[in-house]
Amino acid sequence: MVTFRRWLTFNGVGLVGAALQLSVLAFLTRQLGLSAAWATPLAVETAILHNFVWHQRVTWGGHGAHGETRRRLLQFHALNGVVSLAGNAGITIILTAQGMHVLPANVIAILACATVNFVLGERIVFRKAIAATVCLCAVQGLLGAPVLAADEPRDVAFISGPSPAAVAAWNAYVSTVERRYDGATPANFFALDVRRVANWRDRATSGTVPMLEMTPADAPDAKIHHWAGAIYIPNTTVQAVVKRMQDYAGRESEFYQEVKASKLLQRDGDRLKVFMRLQRDAGVVSADYNTEHAVQYRTLEATRAMSRSTATKIAEIEHAGTAQERELPAGQDRGFLWRLNAYWRFEQSGNGVYIECESVSLSRGVPWLVRPIASPIVNRIARESLERTLRSLRAFLTRAS
């Protein structure tokens, strides 16, 4: 009954917004002479702002704190706004191109977008639980310096952990990555070479960070993320790079700002066990983790080396930084990070070293309804996360000891 009343209120606000949108559209096209392609987005934006104010105050009640209102407005634009702008503009332009008048064409577009916008408002913009999932569920897991941190409200629903089918899909996919890692040859050493990324060495040498996103098969109710990127460190050797990374194992928080605490738990030759407190963020929600990583370095020859890091523990922290801080039991987290592997490769080239990080992680899936909108967002976050990691590592390796 509450949802039905909210639906009626939503449509009441929407009718007023639609009238406002049509009025602005008529003014812009008739009085100012703008084309439908220019006038429609402006009219839609006017209606979006009108509708947000009334949905915030009436449909879903309450005014919201300044930060909350800002978050909702951003989400409203990112979700409802994208649907309205893309749907209204696209449908209107298509129908007018077929000879229909701009105003009835826009009415059809408004009706087509209304139901989708209500669902997004009900389940995402004014309900934090799913919004948090949409924005963070597919953030890339990276060893060393995953992502930045931010405060968040702790009212996101917990889930029961990855399903057996999701774990099976993860294991099957990782086994293919492991086989290439274990059978590394000069021809298939770097993932960027295997995927034929053009001129990546030149780009890395020039100071950029060439990136590549792989596309694993879907996992049931989960998402496998696979990214690779590379940097170039001048005036050094593979042996010097590996030695410095091993010497600083457990001190990652000194040079990766996203690692809030770190500690070396065990060292046995080239095998290490490291603890790291990680923070990761997607703008509107963040998550804190206590993690442990089994790291093994492997020297192939004087000019090549590798390391593999496998997260042996990933425990989400509830109320991080407060007296109520605690690790959530396995299977009672929010599903933002379930598995995490990282594969590092080092190769001598002249007087410098190319370093590649290949990161594979598992999280809960993105809801299908918002996948077209959310996927580009999480992909951008993943890319920027890996790039920050590699840039931070380059800064650390190139600074004076």
Protein backbone atom coordinates (compact mmCIF):
# COMPACT_ATOMS: atom_id res chain seq x y z
CA MET A 1 0.00 0.00 0.00
CA VAL A 2 2.85 2.40 0.85
CA THR A 3 4.53 1.67 -2.46
CA PHE A 4 1.23 2.17 -4.32
CA ARG A 5 0.68 5.56 -2.66
CA ARG A 6 4.24 6.49 -3.50
CA TRP A 7 3.60 5.40 -7.09
CA LEU A 8 0.57 7.69 -7.27
CA THR A 9 2.53 10.58 -5.78
CA PHE A 10 5.38 9.89 -8.17
CA ASN A 11 3.03 10.08 -11.14
CA GLY A 12 1.42 13.25 -9.80
CA VAL A 13 4.80 14.92 -9.59
CA GLY A 14 5.66 13.45 -12.96
CA LEU A 15 2.54 14.93 -14.58
CA VAL A 16 3.48 18.39 -13.37
CA GLY A 17 7.04 17.81 -14.50
CA ALA A 18 5.81 16.60 -17.88
CA ALA A 19 3.68 19.71 -18.29
CA LEU A 20 6.68 21.84 -17.39
CA GLN A 21 8.87 19.89 -19.81
CA LEU A 22 6.38 20.30 -22.68
CA SER A 23 5.99 24.00 -21.93
CA VAL A 24 9.73 24.56 -22.00
CA LEU A 25 10.03 22.44 -25.13
CA ALA A 26 7.30 24.44 -26.88
CA PHE A 27 8.92 27.72 -25.88
CA LEU A 28 12.36 26.67 -27.05
CA THR A 29 11.17 25.27 -30.38
CA ARG A 30 8.46 27.80 -31.23
CA GLN A 31 9.73 31.01 -29.68
CA LEU A 32 13.49 30.53 -29.90
CA GLY A 33 13.55 28.29 -32.94
CA LEU A 34 15.77 25.56 -31.47
CA SER A 35 15.75 22.15 -33.09
CA ALA A 36 14.34 19.12 -31.23
CA ALA A 37 17.87 17.76 -30.77
CA TRP A 38 18.85 20.86 -28.76
CA ALA A 39 15.55 21.77 -27.12
CA THR A 40 14.61 18.33 -25.79
CA PRO A 41 17.63 17.83 -23.46
CA LEU A 42 17.15 21.35 -22.03
CA ALA A 43 13.46 20.75 -21.41
CA VAL A 44 14.17 17.36 -19.85
CA GLU A 45 16.80 18.81 -17.51
CA THR A 46 14.29 21.42 -16.31
CA ALA A 47 11.80 18.67 -15.52
CA ILE A 48 14.46 16.54 -13.82
CA LEU A 49 15.36 19.31 -11.38
CA HIS A 50 11.67 20.04 -10.71
CA ASN A 51 10.87 16.38 -10.12
CA PHE A 52 13.87 15.82 -7.85
CA VAL A 53 12.86 18.64 -5.51
CA TRP A 54 9.32 17.27 -5.11
CA HIS A 55 10.39 13.62 -4.88
CA GLN A 56 12.90 14.56 -2.19
CA ARG A 57 10.31 16.53 -0.19
CA VAL A 58 7.07 14.64 -0.85
CA THR A 59 7.26 11.34 -2.74
CA TRP A 60 9.92 9.79 -0.53
CA GLY A 61 9.59 12.32 2.27
CA GLY A 62 12.12 14.39 4.16
CA HIS A 63 14.52 17.05 3.01
CA GLY A 64 17.78 15.24 3.66
CA ALA A 65 21.02 16.67 4.98
CA HIS A 66 23.15 18.72 2.61
CA GLY A 67 25.47 15.81 1.82
CA GLU A 68 22.54 13.42 1.47
CA THR A 69 20.71 15.77 -0.89
CA ARG A 70 23.84 16.17 -2.98
CA ARG A 71 24.30 12.39 -3.15
CA ARG A 72 20.67 11.87 -4.14
CA LEU A 73 20.80 14.60 -6.77
CA LEU A 74 23.90 13.05 -8.31
CA GLN A 75 22.27 9.63 -8.31
CA PHE A 76 19.02 11.06 -9.66
CA HIS A 77 20.93 12.54 -12.58
CA ALA A 78 23.08 9.46 -13.06
CA LEU A 79 20.08 7.11 -13.14
CA ASN A 80 16.73 8.85 -13.65
CA GLY A 81 18.43 11.69 -15.48
CA VAL A 82 20.22 9.39 -17.90
CA VAL A 83 17.02 7.45 -18.59
CA SER A 84 15.05 10.66 -19.13
CA LEU A 85 17.68 12.43 -21.20
CA ALA A 86 18.59 9.44 -23.33
CA GLY A 87 15.06 8.05 -23.56
CA ASN A 88 13.28 11.33 -24.16
CA ALA A 89 15.84 12.71 -26.58
CA GLY A 90 16.28 9.44 -28.44
CA ILE A 91 12.60 8.58 -28.78
CA THR A 92 11.61 12.16 -29.62
CA ILE A 93 14.29 12.53 -32.27
CA ILE A 94 13.42 9.16 -33.83
CA LEU A 95 9.69 9.91 -33.95
CA THR A 96 10.13 13.44 -35.28
CA ALA A 97 12.44 12.06 -37.95
CA GLN A 98 9.55 9.81 -39.00
CA GLY A 99 7.31 12.85 -39.42
CA MET A 100 5.56 13.05 -36.03
CA HIS A 101 5.15 16.46 -34.40
CA VAL A 102 7.65 17.14 -31.63
CA LEU A 103 5.09 17.53 -28.80
CA PRO A 104 3.18 14.23 -29.19
CA ALA A 105 6.50 12.50 -29.84
CA ASN A 106 7.75 13.81 -26.52
CA VAL A 107 4.58 12.67 -24.74
CA ILE A 108 5.24 9.12 -25.93
CA ALA A 109 8.85 9.40 -24.74
CA ILE A 110 7.73 10.62 -21.29
CA LEU A 111 5.34 7.70 -20.84
CA ALA A 112 7.97 5.21 -21.96
CA CYS A 113 10.47 6.44 -19.35
CA ALA A 114 8.08 6.89 -16.39
CA THR A 115 7.99 3.33 -15.04
CA VAL A 116 11.74 2.84 -15.32
CA ASN A 117 12.34 6.10 -13.46
CA PHE A 118 9.98 5.13 -10.61
CA VAL A 119 11.74 1.80 -10.11
CA LEU A 120 15.14 3.52 -10.06
CA GLY A 121 13.90 6.10 -7.57
CA GLU A 122 12.24 3.50 -5.34
CA ARG A 123 15.09 1.00 -5.35
CA ILE A 124 18.20 3.16 -5.75
CA VAL A 125 18.11 6.96 -5.38
CA PHE A 126 16.02 7.06 -2.18
CA ARG A 127 17.02 3.60 -0.94
CA LYS A 128 20.72 3.41 -0.13
CA ALA A 129 21.15 -0.34 -0.03
CA ILE A 130 20.97 -1.05 -3.72
CA ALA A 131 22.57 2.26 -4.66
CA ALA A 132 25.64 1.24 -2.73
CA THR A 133 25.77 -2.09 -4.47
CA VAL A 134 25.37 -0.61 -7.94
CA CYS A 135 28.22 1.83 -7.46
CA LEU A 136 30.73 -0.41 -5.69
CA CYS A 137 29.93 -4.03 -6.44
CA ALA A 138 32.25 -4.23 -9.42
CA VAL A 139 35.12 -2.11 -8.22
CA GLN A 140 38.38 -3.74 -9.17
CA GLY A 141 40.31 -5.55 -6.45
CA LEU A 142 43.98 -4.59 -6.48
CA LEU A 143 46.79 -5.66 -4.21
CA GLY A 144 48.76 -2.81 -2.71
CA ALA A 145 46.64 0.25 -3.43
CA PRO A 146 43.11 -0.53 -4.50
CA VAL A 147 41.10 2.70 -4.22
CA LEU A 148 40.47 5.84 -2.19
CA ALA A 149 38.34 5.96 0.93
CA ALA A 150 35.25 7.83 2.06
CA ASP A 151 32.74 7.78 4.91
CA GLU A 152 29.39 6.14 4.39
CA PRO A 153 26.15 5.25 6.17
CA ARG A 154 26.15 1.63 7.30
CA ASP A 155 22.67 0.57 6.22
CA VAL A 156 23.55 -1.56 3.21
CA ALA A 157 22.04 -5.01 3.26
CA PHE A 158 24.37 -7.93 3.81
CA ILE A 159 24.21 -11.02 1.61
CA SER A 160 25.12 -14.63 2.09
CA GLY A 161 28.37 -14.67 0.15
CA PRO A 162 29.23 -16.14 -3.24
CA SER A 163 27.16 -19.10 -4.34
CA PRO A 164 28.84 -22.45 -5.05
CA ALA A 165 28.23 -21.79 -8.75
CA ALA A 166 29.95 -18.40 -8.50
CA VAL A 167 32.93 -19.94 -6.72
CA ALA A 168 33.14 -22.68 -9.35
CA ALA A 169 33.12 -20.07 -12.13
CA TRP A 170 35.83 -18.11 -10.31
CA ASN A 171 38.02 -21.20 -9.85
CA ALA A 172 37.63 -22.18 -13.49
CA TYR A 173 38.55 -18.72 -14.73
CA VAL A 174 41.50 -18.28 -12.37
CA SER A 175 42.87 -21.65 -13.44
CA THR A 176 43.28 -20.30 -16.98
CA VAL A 177 45.18 -17.28 -15.66
CA GLU A 178 47.31 -19.51 -13.44
CA ARG A 179 48.24 -21.81 -16.32
CA ARG A 180 49.64 -18.90 -18.30
CA TYR A 181 51.43 -17.59 -15.22
CA ASP A 182 52.99 -20.97 -14.44
CA GLY A 183 53.95 -21.60 -18.07
CA ALA A 184 55.34 -18.13 -18.77
CA THR A 185 57.62 -17.83 -21.80
CA PRO A 186 59.13 -14.71 -23.42
CA ALA A 187 56.33 -14.80 -26.00
CA ASN A 188 53.44 -14.87 -23.51
CA PHE A 189 55.11 -13.18 -20.55
CA PHE A 190 53.00 -10.00 -20.47
CA ALA A 191 49.21 -10.07 -20.65
CA LEU A 192 49.37 -6.92 -22.77
CA ASP A 193 51.41 -8.83 -25.35
CA VAL A 194 49.07 -11.82 -25.29
CA ARG A 195 46.14 -9.46 -25.96
CA ARG A 196 48.15 -7.61 -28.63
CA VAL A 197 47.87 -4.15 -27.09
CA ALA A 198 49.55 -1.88 -29.62
CA ASN A 199 52.60 0.18 -28.65
CA TRP A 200 52.10 -0.35 -24.95
CA ARG A 201 55.83 -0.34 -24.24
CA ASP A 202 56.29 3.02 -25.96
CA ARG A 203 53.38 4.44 -24.00
CA ALA A 204 54.72 3.11 -20.70
CA THR A 205 58.20 4.46 -21.44
CA SER A 206 56.71 7.89 -22.17
CA GLY A 207 55.13 7.99 -18.71
CA THR A 208 51.55 6.92 -19.42
CA VAL A 209 49.91 3.79 -18.02
CA PRO A 210 48.59 1.54 -20.81
CA MET A 211 45.53 -0.36 -19.62
CA LEU A 212 43.54 -3.36 -20.76
CA GLU A 213 40.21 -4.74 -19.57
CA MET A 214 39.58 -8.43 -20.13
CA THR A 215 36.03 -9.75 -20.37
CA PRO A 216 35.59 -12.94 -18.35
CA ALA A 217 32.47 -15.02 -18.82
CA ASP A 218 29.60 -14.22 -16.49
CA ALA A 219 29.57 -15.92 -13.10
CA PRO A 220 26.17 -16.80 -11.58
CA ASP A 221 25.04 -13.95 -9.28
CA ALA A 222 28.56 -12.56 -9.30
CA LYS A 223 31.03 -10.61 -11.40
CA ILE A 224 34.63 -11.48 -12.27
CA HIS A 225 36.82 -8.44 -12.95
CA HIS A 226 40.09 -8.72 -14.87
CA TRP A 227 42.33 -5.76 -15.66
CA ALA A 228 45.96 -5.32 -16.62
CA GLY A 229 48.20 -2.27 -16.77
CA ALA A 230 51.90 -1.49 -17.04
CA ILE A 231 54.54 1.09 -16.09
CA TYR A 232 58.20 1.65 -16.88
CA ILE A 233 60.86 2.32 -14.25
CA PRO A 234 64.06 3.88 -15.70
CA ASN A 235 67.59 3.47 -14.40
CA THR A 236 67.12 0.27 -12.46
CA THR A 237 67.23 -3.51 -12.75
CA VAL A 238 64.79 -6.33 -12.17
CA GLN A 239 66.84 -7.51 -9.20
CA ALA A 240 66.76 -4.03 -7.63
CA VAL A 241 62.99 -3.67 -8.14
CA VAL A 242 62.19 -7.07 -6.67
CA LYS A 243 64.54 -6.52 -3.71
CA ARG A 244 62.96 -3.18 -2.87
CA MET A 245 59.43 -4.56 -3.05
CA GLN A 246 60.42 -7.47 -0.82
CA ASP A 247 62.25 -5.21 1.62
CA TYR A 248 59.16 -3.00 1.94
CA ALA A 249 56.71 -5.88 2.31
CA GLY A 250 54.52 -5.00 5.29
CA ARG A 251 55.20 -1.27 4.83
CA GLU A 252 52.77 -0.66 1.95
CA SER A 253 50.90 1.95 3.98
CA GLU A 254 53.99 4.18 3.72
CA PHE A 255 53.67 4.65 -0.02
CA TYR A 256 50.13 3.60 -0.98
CA GLN A 257 47.67 6.10 0.47
CA GLU A 258 44.80 3.63 0.07
CA VAL A 259 46.45 1.11 2.39
CA LYS A 260 45.68 2.35 5.89
CA ALA A 261 47.78 -0.20 7.75
CA SER A 262 50.11 -3.02 6.78
CA LYS A 263 52.29 -5.57 8.48
CA LEU A 264 54.61 -8.38 7.44
CA LEU A 265 53.25 -11.56 9.03
CA GLN A 266 55.73 -14.11 7.74
CA ARG A 267 58.79 -14.37 5.50
CA ASP A 268 60.27 -17.59 4.12
CA GLY A 269 62.72 -16.77 1.37
CA ASP A 270 60.69 -15.56 -1.61
CA ARG A 271 57.41 -16.44 0.12
CA LEU A 272 55.73 -13.70 2.15
CA LYS A 273 52.52 -13.26 4.06
CA VAL A 274 51.29 -9.68 4.43
CA PHE A 275 48.41 -8.05 6.29
CA MET A 276 46.80 -4.93 4.85
CA ARG A 277 43.88 -2.79 5.97
CA LEU A 278 42.30 -1.61 2.72
CA GLN A 279 39.75 1.08 2.02
CA ARG A 280 37.87 1.21 -1.24
CA ASP A 281 35.34 3.74 -2.48
CA ALA A 282 32.83 4.35 -5.28
CA GLY A 283 31.92 7.93 -4.46
CA VAL A 284 28.72 7.31 -2.47
CA VAL A 285 29.82 4.32 -0.42
CA SER A 286 33.06 2.88 0.88
CA ALA A 287 34.18 -0.38 2.41
CA ASP A 288 37.02 -1.30 4.78
CA TYR A 289 38.71 -4.67 4.83
CA ASN A 290 41.23 -6.60 6.86
CA THR A 291 43.07 -8.68 4.29
CA GLU A 292 45.92 -11.16 4.27
CA HIS A 293 47.89 -11.98 1.14
CA ALA A 294 50.18 -14.90 0.32
CA VAL A 295 52.85 -13.51 -1.98
CA GLN A 296 55.46 -15.55 -3.83
CA TYR A 297 58.28 -14.11 -5.95
CA ARG A 298 59.76 -16.13 -8.75
CA THR A 299 62.94 -15.31 -10.68
CA LEU A 300 62.96 -16.72 -14.20
CA GLU A 301 66.31 -15.36 -15.30
CA ALA A 302 68.43 -12.27 -14.76
CA THR A 303 66.11 -10.16 -16.90
CA ARG A 304 62.70 -11.50 -15.81
CA ALA A 305 60.85 -12.08 -12.55
CA MET A 306 57.27 -12.56 -11.40
CA SER A 307 55.16 -12.49 -8.27
CA ARG A 308 51.75 -13.85 -7.46
CA SER A 309 49.56 -12.57 -4.64
CA THR A 310 46.50 -14.47 -3.45
CA ALA A 311 44.19 -13.02 -0.82
CA THR A 312 43.81 -15.72 1.82
CA LYS A 313 41.56 -13.56 3.97
CA ILE A 314 39.11 -10.79 3.05
CA ALA A 315 37.03 -9.61 6.01
CA GLU A 316 34.84 -6.55 5.68
CA ILE A 317 34.99 -4.20 8.67
CA GLU A 318 31.82 -2.80 10.17
CA HIS A 319 32.04 0.62 11.88
CA ALA A 320 35.70 0.98 10.94
CA GLY A 321 37.64 3.42 13.08
CA THR A 322 35.11 3.43 15.91
CA ALA A 323 34.83 1.67 19.24
CA GLN A 324 32.25 -0.64 17.64
CA GLU A 325 34.63 -1.79 14.90
CA ARG A 326 34.40 -5.49 14.13
CA GLU A 327 35.08 -7.95 11.34
CA LEU A 328 31.94 -9.27 9.71
CA PRO A 329 31.74 -13.07 9.69
CA ALA A 330 32.35 -14.83 6.39
CA GLY A 331 29.23 -14.77 4.25
CA GLN A 332 27.75 -11.73 6.03
CA ASP A 333 29.49 -8.96 4.11
CA ARG A 334 28.04 -6.82 1.34
CA GLY A 335 29.70 -8.66 -1.50
CA PHE A 336 31.91 -5.87 -2.80
CA LEU A 337 35.03 -8.04 -2.68
CA TRP A 338 34.99 -11.81 -2.32
CA ARG A 339 38.19 -12.95 -4.03
CA LEU A 340 41.38 -11.18 -5.10
CA ASN A 341 44.45 -12.31 -7.02
CA ALA A 342 47.23 -10.15 -8.45
CA TYR A 343 49.95 -11.21 -10.89
CA TRP A 344 53.04 -8.99 -11.24
CA ARG A 345 55.63 -9.30 -13.99
CA PHE A 346 59.03 -7.59 -14.27
CA GLU A 347 61.20 -7.47 -17.38
CA GLN A 348 64.51 -5.71 -18.04
CA SER A 349 64.63 -3.46 -21.09
CA GLY A 350 67.80 -1.49 -21.63
CA ASN A 351 68.55 0.41 -18.44
CA GLY A 352 64.99 0.16 -17.11
CA VAL A 353 62.25 -2.29 -16.13
CA TYR A 354 58.72 -2.83 -17.42
CA ILE A 355 56.25 -3.80 -14.69
CA GLU A 356 52.81 -5.22 -15.39
CA CYS A 357 50.03 -5.87 -12.86
CA GLU A 358 47.25 -8.25 -13.82
CA SER A 359 44.41 -8.15 -11.30
CA VAL A 360 41.53 -10.63 -11.04
CA SER A 361 38.76 -10.24 -8.46
CA LEU A 362 35.25 -11.44 -7.67
CA SER A 363 32.30 -9.44 -6.37
CA ARG A 364 28.53 -9.67 -6.32
CA GLY A 365 26.85 -8.96 -9.62
CA VAL A 366 25.35 -5.70 -10.90
CA PRO A 367 21.51 -5.79 -10.99
CA TRP A 368 20.38 -6.21 -14.60
CA LEU A 369 18.00 -3.25 -14.44
CA VAL A 370 20.80 -0.74 -13.96
CA ARG A 371 23.59 -2.65 -15.69
CA PRO A 372 23.66 -0.40 -18.79
CA ILE A 373 24.08 2.64 -16.54
CA ALA A 374 26.16 1.15 -13.72
CA SER A 375 28.63 -0.85 -15.80
CA PRO A 376 30.37 2.18 -17.35
CA ILE A 377 30.65 3.71 -13.87
CA VAL A 378 32.24 0.69 -12.23
CA ASN A 379 34.50 0.13 -15.23
CA ARG A 380 35.78 3.68 -14.93
CA ILE A 381 36.36 3.21 -11.20
CA ALA A 382 38.22 -0.04 -11.86
CA ARG A 383 40.44 1.53 -14.49
CA GLU A 384 41.29 4.54 -12.33
CA SER A 385 41.98 2.28 -9.36
CA LEU A 386 44.54 0.18 -11.21
CA GLU A 387 46.12 3.25 -12.78
CA ARG A 388 46.53 4.89 -9.36
CA THR A 389 48.12 1.72 -8.04
CA LEU A 390 50.69 1.61 -10.82
CA ARG A 391 51.44 5.32 -10.68
CA SER A 392 51.96 5.10 -6.92
CA LEU A 393 54.30 2.16 -7.35
CA ARG A 394 56.30 4.02 -10.00
CA ALA A 395 56.63 7.04 -7.72
CA PHE A 396 57.83 4.77 -4.89
CA LEU A 397 60.37 2.93 -7.04
CA THR A 398 61.79 6.06 -8.62
CA ARG A 399 62.25 8.05 -5.42
CA ALA A 400 65.48 7.95 -3.45
CA SER A 401 65.76 5.08 -0.99
